[in-house]
PDB file of N, CA and C in Angstrom:
ATOM      1  N   MET A   1     105.469  88.455 110.865  1.00  0.00           N
ATOM      2  CA  MET A   1     104.888  87.985 109.960  1.00  0.00           C
ATOM      3  C   MET A   1     104.365  86.567 110.770  1.00  0.00           C
ATOM      4  N   ILE A   2     103.021  86.179 110.235  1.00  0.00           N
ATOM      5  CA  ILE A   2     102.363  85.101 111.026  1.00  0.00           C
ATOM      6  C   ILE A   2     102.149  83.680 109.625  1.00  0.00           C
ATOM      7  N   TYR A   3     102.733  82.907 109.838  1.00  0.00           N
ATOM      8  CA  TYR A   3     102.255  81.789 108.710  1.00  0.00           C
ATOM      9  C   TYR A   3     101.624  80.809 109.314  1.00  0.00           C
ATOM     10  N   THR A   4     100.215  80.608 108.697  1.00  0.00           N
ATOM     11  CA  THR A   4      99.010  79.589 109.165  1.00  0.00           C
ATOM     12  C   THR A   4      98.485  78.989 107.942  1.00  0.00           C
ATOM     13  N   ASP A   5      97.766  78.028 108.181  1.00  0.00           N
ATOM     14  CA  ASP A   5      96.878  77.607 106.690  1.00  0.00           C
ATOM     15  C   ASP A   5      95.722  78.084 107.097  1.00  0.00           C
ATOM     16  N   LEU A   6      94.783  78.523 106.122  1.00  0.00           N
ATOM     17  CA  LEU A   6      93.608  78.896 106.081  1.00  0.00           C
ATOM     18  C   LEU A   6      92.360  77.944 107.003  1.00  0.00           C
ATOM     19  N   GLU A   7      91.759  78.121 107.790  1.00  0.00           N
ATOM     20  CA  GLU A   7      90.609  76.988 108.248  1.00  0.00           C
ATOM     21  C   GLU A   7      89.831  76.887 106.849  1.00  0.00           C
ATOM     22  N   PRO A   8      89.416  75.669 106.766  1.00  0.00           N
ATOM     23  CA  PRO A   8      88.619  75.177 105.579  1.00  0.00           C
ATOM     24  C   PRO A   8      87.430  76.044 105.289  1.00  0.00           C
ATOM     25  N   ALA A   9      86.496  76.406 105.921  1.00  0.00           N
ATOM     26  CA  ALA A   9      85.430  77.464 105.453  1.00  0.00           C
ATOM     27  C   ALA A   9      86.114  78.833 104.992  1.00  0.00           C
ATOM     28  N   GLN A  10      87.205  79.080 105.701  1.00  0.00           N
ATOM     29  CA  GLN A  10      88.179  80.388 105.302  1.00  0.00           C
ATOM     30  C   GLN A  10      88.500  80.118 103.731  1.00  0.00           C
ATOM     31  N   ARG A  11      88.987  78.914 103.601  1.00  0.00           N
ATOM     32  CA  ARG A  11      89.776  78.737 102.008  1.00  0.00           C
ATOM     33  C   ARG A  11      88.999  78.340 101.114  1.00  0.00           C
ATOM     34  N   LYS A  12      87.645  77.873 101.571  1.00  0.00           N
ATOM     35  CA  LYS A  12      86.638  78.002 100.558  1.00  0.00           C
ATOM     36  C   LYS A  12      86.218  79.206  99.862  1.00  0.00           C
ATOM     37  N   ILE A  13      86.245  80.332 100.847  1.00  0.00           N
ATOM     38  CA  ILE A  13      85.873  81.713 100.337  1.00  0.00           C
ATOM     39  C   ILE A  13      87.022  82.284  99.677  1.00  0.00           C
ATOM     40  N   TYR A  14      87.831  81.950 100.127  1.00  0.00           N
ATOM     41  CA  TYR A  14      89.133  82.451  99.219  1.00  0.00           C
ATOM     42  C   TYR A  14      89.447  81.550  97.866  1.00  0.00           C
ATOM     43  N   THR A  15      89.214  80.426  97.781  1.00  0.00           N
ATOM     44  CA  THR A  15      89.408  79.980  96.405  1.00  0.00           C
ATOM     45  C   THR A  15      88.088  80.412  95.447  1.00  0.00           C
ATOM     46  N   HIS A  16      86.935  80.461  95.655  1.00  0.00           N
ATOM     47  CA  HIS A  16      86.045  81.305  95.486  1.00  0.00           C
ATOM     48  C   HIS A  16      86.056  82.374  94.938  1.00  0.00           C
ATOM     49  N   MET A  17      86.930  83.199  95.679  1.00  0.00           N
ATOM     50  CA  MET A  17      87.127  84.648  95.126  1.00  0.00           C
ATOM     51  C   MET A  17      88.056  84.661  93.938  1.00  0.00           C
ATOM     52  N   ARG A  18      89.637  83.761  94.318  1.00  0.00           N
ATOM     53  CA  ARG A  18      90.102  83.881  93.577  1.00  0.00           C
ATOM     54  C   ARG A  18      89.906  83.347  92.251  1.00  0.00           C
ATOM     55  N   ASP A  19      88.681  82.446  92.057  1.00  0.00           N
ATOM     56  CA  ASP A  19      88.570  81.916  90.578  1.00  0.00           C
ATOM     57  C   ASP A  19      87.677  83.146  89.725  1.00  0.00           C
ATOM     58  N   ARG A  20      87.031  83.788  90.892  1.00  0.00           N
ATOM     59  CA  ARG A  20      85.909  85.021  90.248  1.00  0.00           C
ATOM     60  C   ARG A  20      86.797  86.234  89.720  1.00  0.00           C
ATOM     61  N   TYR A  21      87.426  86.310  90.339  1.00  0.00           N
ATOM     62  CA  TYR A  21      88.917  87.571  90.105  1.00  0.00           C
ATOM     63  C   TYR A  21      89.434  86.931  88.785  1.00  0.00           C
ATOM     64  N   ARG A  22      90.078  85.796  88.954  1.00  0.00           N
ATOM     65  CA  ARG A  22      90.621  85.340  87.738  1.00  0.00           C
ATOM     66  C   ARG A  22      89.621  85.382  86.550  1.00  0.00           C
ATOM     67  N   ALA A  23      88.621  84.834  86.370  1.00  0.00           N
ATOM     68  CA  ALA A  23      87.851  84.976  85.219  1.00  0.00           C
ATOM     69  C   ALA A  23      87.031  86.077  84.980  1.00  0.00           C
ATOM     70  N   GLU A  24      87.117  87.021  86.061  1.00  0.00           N
ATOM     71  CA  GLU A  24      87.041  88.442  85.562  1.00  0.00           C
ATOM     72  C   GLU A  24      87.927  89.039  84.762  1.00  0.00           C
ATOM     73  N   LEU A  25      89.012  88.992  85.453  1.00  0.00           N
ATOM     74  CA  LEU A  25      90.360  89.726  85.067  1.00  0.00           C
ATOM     75  C   LEU A  25      90.527  88.939  83.485  1.00  0.00           C
ATOM     76  N   LEU A  26      90.361  87.910  83.265  1.00  0.00           N
ATOM     77  CA  LEU A  26      90.868  87.223  81.673  1.00  0.00           C
ATOM     78  C   LEU A  26      89.964  87.738  80.793  1.00  0.00           C
ATOM     79  N   ARG A  27      88.442  87.923  81.265  1.00  0.00           N
ATOM     80  CA  ARG A  27      87.742  88.780  80.063  1.00  0.00           C
ATOM     81  C   ARG A  27      88.075  90.108  80.328  1.00  0.00           C
ATOM     82  N   MET A  28      88.345  90.781  81.017  1.00  0.00           N
ATOM     83  CA  MET A  28      88.800  91.956  81.089  1.00  0.00           C
ATOM     84  C   MET A  28      90.119  92.463  80.323  1.00  0.00           C
ATOM     85  N   ILE A  29      91.281  91.712  80.578  1.00  0.00           N
ATOM     86  CA  ILE A  29      92.424  91.817  79.606  1.00  0.00           C
ATOM     87  C   ILE A  29      91.651  91.664  78.091  1.00  0.00           C
ATOM     88  N   GLU A  30      91.423  90.550  77.584  1.00  0.00           N
ATOM     89  CA  GLU A  30      90.971  90.354  76.544  1.00  0.00           C
ATOM     90  C   GLU A  30      90.185  91.373  75.684  1.00  0.00           C
ATOM     91  N   SER A  31      89.272  91.547  76.492  1.00  0.00           N
ATOM     92  CA  SER A  31      88.524  92.832  76.068  1.00  0.00           C
ATOM     93  C   SER A  31      88.936  94.042  75.881  1.00  0.00           C
ATOM     94  N   GLU A  32      89.346  94.778  77.007  1.00  0.00           N
ATOM     95  CA  GLU A  32      90.174  96.045  77.366  1.00  0.00           C
ATOM     96  C   GLU A  32      91.330  96.259  77.228  1.00  0.00           C
ATOM     97  N   GLY A  33      92.006  95.392  77.571  1.00  0.00           N
ATOM     98  CA  GLY A  33      93.595  95.379  77.577  1.00  0.00           C
ATOM     99  C   GLY A  33      94.291  95.117  79.314  1.00  0.00           C
ATOM    100  N   MET A  34      95.563  95.186  79.049  1.00  0.00           N
ATOM    101  CA  MET A  34      96.130  94.954  80.005  1.00  0.00           C
ATOM    102  C   MET A  34      96.196  96.263  81.330  1.00  0.00           C
ATOM    103  N   ASN A  35      96.484  97.416  80.462  1.00  0.00           N
ATOM    104  CA  ASN A  35      96.202  98.551  81.187  1.00  0.00           C
ATOM    105  C   ASN A  35      95.057  99.235  81.818  1.00  0.00           C
ATOM    106  N   ASP A  36      94.033  98.648  81.485  1.00  0.00           N
ATOM    107  CA  ASP A  36      92.263  98.958  81.424  1.00  0.00           C
ATOM    108  C   ASP A  36      92.156  97.665  83.009  1.00  0.00           C
ATOM    109  N   ALA A  37      93.020  96.982  83.149  1.00  0.00           N
ATOM    110  CA  ALA A  37      92.824  95.819  84.252  1.00  0.00           C
ATOM    111  C   ALA A  37      93.634  95.902  85.449  1.00  0.00           C
ATOM    112  N   ARG A  38      94.596  96.870  85.189  1.00  0.00           N
ATOM    113  CA  ARG A  38      95.345  97.317  86.232  1.00  0.00           C
ATOM    114  C   ARG A  38      94.337  97.343  87.857  1.00  0.00           C
ATOM    115  N   MET A  39      93.786  98.110  87.948  1.00  0.00           N
ATOM    116  CA  MET A  39      92.981  98.606  89.211  1.00  0.00           C
ATOM    117  C   MET A  39      92.233  97.221  89.629  1.00  0.00           C
ATOM    118  N   LYS A  40      91.620  96.320  88.628  1.00  0.00           N
ATOM    119  CA  LYS A  40      90.919  95.521  89.342  1.00  0.00           C
ATOM    120  C   LYS A  40      91.850  94.185  89.586  1.00  0.00           C
ATOM    121  N   ILE A  41      93.105  94.238  89.260  1.00  0.00           N
ATOM    122  CA  ILE A  41      94.091  93.035  89.527  1.00  0.00           C
ATOM    123  C   ILE A  41      94.221  93.702  91.160  1.00  0.00           C
ATOM    124  N   LEU A  42      94.673  94.987  91.126  1.00  0.00           N
ATOM    125  CA  LEU A  42      95.053  95.474  92.921  1.00  0.00           C
ATOM    126  C   LEU A  42      94.011  94.980  93.544  1.00  0.00           C
ATOM    127  N   GLU A  43      92.578  95.355  93.143  1.00  0.00           N
ATOM    128  CA  GLU A  43      91.241  95.008  93.951  1.00  0.00           C
ATOM    129  C   GLU A  43      91.491  93.461  94.199  1.00  0.00           C
ATOM    130  N   GLY A  44      91.711  92.444  93.240  1.00  0.00           N
ATOM    131  CA  GLY A  44      91.535  91.279  93.536  1.00  0.00           C
ATOM    132  C   GLY A  44      92.490  91.077  94.678  1.00  0.00           C
ATOM    133  N   LEU A  45      93.821  91.376  94.568  1.00  0.00           N
ATOM    134  CA  LEU A  45      95.052  91.256  95.652  1.00  0.00           C
ATOM    135  C   LEU A  45      94.573  91.879  97.183  1.00  0.00           C
ATOM    136  N   LEU A  46      94.096  92.751  97.069  1.00  0.00           N
ATOM    137  CA  LEU A  46      93.410  93.110  98.282  1.00  0.00           C
ATOM    138  C   LEU A  46      92.350  92.220  98.885  1.00  0.00           C
ATOM    139  N   ARG A  47      91.314  92.131  97.877  1.00  0.00           N
ATOM    140  CA  ARG A  47      90.330  90.961  98.505  1.00  0.00           C
ATOM    141  C   ARG A  47      90.861  89.903  99.269  1.00  0.00           C
ATOM    142  N   LEU A  48      91.720  89.383  98.331  1.00  0.00           N
ATOM    143  CA  LEU A  48      92.164  88.065  98.789  1.00  0.00           C
ATOM    144  C   LEU A  48      93.070  87.805  99.858  1.00  0.00           C
ATOM    145  N   ARG A  49      94.009  89.234 100.338  1.00  0.00           N
ATOM    146  CA  ARG A  49      94.939  89.103 101.168  1.00  0.00           C
ATOM    147  C   ARG A  49      93.945  89.398 102.576  1.00  0.00           C
ATOM    148  N   GLN A  50      92.841  90.256 102.474  1.00  0.00           N
ATOM    149  CA  GLN A  50      91.917  90.350 103.404  1.00  0.00           C
ATOM    150  C   GLN A  50      91.082  89.123 103.695  1.00  0.00           C
ATOM    151  N   ILE A  51      90.817  88.183 102.875  1.00  0.00           N
ATOM    152  CA  ILE A  51      90.231  86.937 103.441  1.00  0.00           C
ATOM    153  C   ILE A  51      91.202  86.111 104.310  1.00  0.00           C
ATOM    154  N   CYS A  52      92.433  86.574 103.855  1.00  0.00           N
ATOM    155  CA  CYS A  52      93.468  85.656 104.555  1.00  0.00           C
ATOM    156  C   CYS A  52      93.424  85.986 106.088  1.00  0.00           C
ATOM    157  N   ILE A  53      93.359  87.558 106.373  1.00  0.00           N
ATOM    158  CA  ILE A  53      93.393  88.157 107.711  1.00  0.00           C
ATOM    159  C   ILE A  53      92.064  87.346 108.069  1.00  0.00           C
ATOM    160  N   HIS A  54      91.154  87.948 107.583  1.00  0.00           N
ATOM    161  CA  HIS A  54      89.616  87.338 108.251  1.00  0.00           C
ATOM    162  C   HIS A  54      88.678  87.741 107.186  1.00  0.00           C
ATOM    163  N   PRO A  55      87.830  86.932 106.869  1.00  0.00           N
ATOM    164  CA  PRO A  55      86.481  86.781 105.614  1.00  0.00           C
ATOM    165  C   PRO A  55      85.607  87.980 105.917  1.00  0.00           C
ATOM    166  N   ARG A  56      85.133  88.049 107.052  1.00  0.00           N
ATOM    167  CA  ARG A  56      84.183  88.766 107.569  1.00  0.00           C
ATOM    168  C   ARG A  56      84.099  90.465 106.443  1.00  0.00           C
ATOM    169  N   PRO A  57      84.982  91.238 106.536  1.00  0.00           N
ATOM    170  CA  PRO A  57      85.195  92.229 105.725  1.00  0.00           C
ATOM    171  C   PRO A  57      84.886  92.259 104.656  1.00  0.00           C
ATOM    172  N   VAL A  58      85.054  90.917 103.803  1.00  0.00           N
ATOM    173  CA  VAL A  58      84.962  90.881 102.682  1.00  0.00           C
ATOM    174  C   VAL A  58      83.468  89.953 102.235  1.00  0.00           C
ATOM    175  N   GLU A  59      83.016  88.894 103.407  1.00  0.00           N
ATOM    176  CA  GLU A  59      82.117  88.430 103.358  1.00  0.00           C
ATOM    177  C   GLU A  59      81.125  88.279 104.578  1.00  0.00           C
ATOM    178  N   PRO A  60      80.267  89.779 104.621  1.00  0.00           N
ATOM    179  CA  PRO A  60      79.820  89.854 105.804  1.00  0.00           C
ATOM    180  C   PRO A  60      79.016  88.619 106.501  1.00  0.00           C
ATOM    181  N   SER A  61      78.449  87.674 105.954  1.00  0.00           N
ATOM    182  CA  SER A  61      77.782  86.667 106.149  1.00  0.00           C
ATOM    183  C   SER A  61      78.722  85.424 106.902  1.00  0.00           C
ATOM    184  N   TYR A  62      80.263  85.580 106.941  1.00  0.00           N
ATOM    185  CA  TYR A  62      81.081  84.504 107.300  1.00  0.00           C
ATOM    186  C   TYR A  62      80.873  84.536 108.928  1.00  0.00           C
ATOM    187  N   ARG A  63      80.865  83.385 109.382  1.00  0.00           N
ATOM    188  CA  ARG A  63      80.288  83.124 110.656  1.00  0.00           C
ATOM    189  C   ARG A  63      81.856  82.097 111.122  1.00  0.00           C
ATOM    190  N   GLY A  64      82.607  81.578 110.454  1.00  0.00           N
ATOM    191  CA  GLY A  64      83.594  80.988 110.932  1.00  0.00           C
ATOM    192  C   GLY A  64      84.608  81.788 111.545  1.00  0.00           C
ATOM    193  N   GLU A  65      85.936  80.595 111.866  1.00  0.00           N
ATOM    194  CA  GLU A  65      86.984  81.338 112.299  1.00  0.00           C
ATOM    195  C   GLU A  65      88.178  81.716 111.260  1.00  0.00           C
ATOM    196  N   SER A  66      89.020  82.566 111.894  1.00  0.00           N
ATOM    197  CA  SER A  66      90.264  82.795 111.161  1.00  0.00           C
ATOM    198  C   SER A  66      91.300  82.517 111.562  1.00  0.00           C
ATOM    199  N   ALA A  67      92.303  81.616 110.973  1.00  0.00           N
ATOM    200  CA  ALA A  67      93.398  81.041 111.839  1.00  0.00           C
ATOM    201  C   ALA A  67      94.524  81.813 112.059  1.00  0.00           C
ATOM    202  N   LYS A  68      94.713  83.057 110.863  1.00  0.00           N
ATOM    203  CA  LYS A  68      95.428  83.996 111.404  1.00  0.00           C
ATOM    204  C   LYS A  68      95.202  85.300 112.315  1.00  0.00           C
ATOM    205  N   PHE A  69      94.146  85.277 112.208  1.00  0.00           N
ATOM    206  CA  PHE A  69      93.212  86.188 113.062  1.00  0.00           C
ATOM    207  C   PHE A  69      93.414  85.706 114.701  1.00  0.00           C
ATOM    208  N   ARG A  70      93.015  84.787 114.624  1.00  0.00           N
ATOM    209  CA  ARG A  70      92.874  83.788 116.185  1.00  0.00           C
ATOM    210  C   ARG A  70      94.672  83.874 116.507  1.00  0.00           C
ATOM    211  N   ASP A  71      95.569  83.340 115.621  1.00  0.00           N
ATOM    212  CA  ASP A  71      97.095  83.611 115.895  1.00  0.00           C
ATOM    213  C   ASP A  71      97.162  84.816 116.834  1.00  0.00           C
ATOM    214  N   ALA A  72      97.220  85.578 115.420  1.00  0.00           N
ATOM    215  CA  ALA A  72      97.577  87.449 115.979  1.00  0.00           C
ATOM    216  C   ALA A  72      97.185  87.602 117.524  1.00  0.00           C
ATOM    217  N   LEU A  73      95.974  87.348 117.722  1.00  0.00           N
ATOM    218  CA  LEU A  73      95.283  87.596 119.143  1.00  0.00           C
ATOM    219  C   LEU A  73      95.944  87.059 120.108  1.00  0.00           C
ATOM    220  N   ARG A  74      96.591  85.613 119.724  1.00  0.00           N
ATOM    221  CA  ARG A  74      96.988  84.993 120.756  1.00  0.00           C
ATOM    222  C   ARG A  74      98.463  85.565 121.087  1.00  0.00           C
ATOM    223  N   ASP A  75      98.824  85.930 120.151  1.00  0.00           N
ATOM    224  CA  ASP A  75     100.297  86.054 120.391  1.00  0.00           C
ATOM    225  C   ASP A  75     100.481  87.473 120.986  1.00  0.00           C
ATOM    226  N   ALA A  76      99.291  88.583 120.681  1.00  0.00           N
ATOM    227  CA  ALA A  76      99.330  89.416 121.335  1.00  0.00           C
ATOM    228  C   ALA A  76      99.051  89.641 122.483  1.00  0.00           C
ATOM    229  N   ARG A  77      98.181  88.536 122.788  1.00  0.00           N
ATOM    230  CA  ARG A  77      97.678  88.450 124.626  1.00  0.00           C
ATOM    231  C   ARG A  77      99.033  87.755 125.346  1.00  0.00           C
ATOM    232  N   ASN A  78      99.729  87.147 124.761  1.00  0.00           N
ATOM    233  CA  ASN A  78     100.859  85.999 125.288  1.00  0.00           C
ATOM    234  C   ASN A  78     102.274  87.476 125.556  1.00  0.00           C
ATOM    235  N   LEU A  79     102.022  88.374 124.503  1.00  0.00           N
ATOM    236  CA  LEU A  79     103.190  89.611 124.741  1.00  0.00           C
ATOM    237  C   LEU A  79     103.130  90.358 125.724  1.00  0.00           C
ATOM    238  N   ALA A  80     101.475  90.769 125.945  1.00  0.00           N
ATOM    239  CA  ALA A  80     100.613  91.753 126.981  1.00  0.00           C
ATOM    240  C   ALA A  80     101.128  91.057 128.322  1.00  0.00           C
ATOM    241  N   ARG A  81     100.986  89.240 128.452  1.00  0.00           N
ATOM    242  CA  ARG A  81     101.374  88.995 129.903  1.00  0.00           C
ATOM    243  C   ARG A  81     102.680  89.262 130.125  1.00  0.00           C
ATOM    244  N   ARG A  82     103.755  89.002 129.066  1.00  0.00           N
ATOM    245  CA  ARG A  82     104.980  89.119 129.386  1.00  0.00           C
ATOM    246  C   ARG A  82     105.359  90.462 129.605  1.00  0.00           C
ATOM    247  N   ARG A  83     104.481  91.565 129.469  1.00  0.00           N
ATOM    248  CA  ARG A  83     105.037  92.774 129.634  1.00  0.00           C
ATOM    249  C   ARG A  83     104.307  93.197 131.010  1.00  0.00           C
ATOM    250  N   ALA A  84     103.676  92.792 131.344  1.00  0.00           N
ATOM    251  CA  ALA A  84     102.883  93.208 132.628  1.00  0.00           C
ATOM    252  C   ALA A  84     103.474  92.724 133.765  1.00  0.00           C
TER     253      ALA A  84
END
């Protein structure tokens, strides 16, 4: 597991997407009930998790960094050097 803080631009996208899904889910639960909202809940969790890794799959116009992605690449390179 890699724990790291999100980059500021990454945090902005995460917060926007979280708030968007939250509002949509609250409307959905109120109008259709919890059972019908289950897949949307899972979709929202998936998107937020993807953003934490790297926002580009969710937001193709994103050009900023991803702290977790950067750290994972660094760790992989270090591991490869130790094995070489």
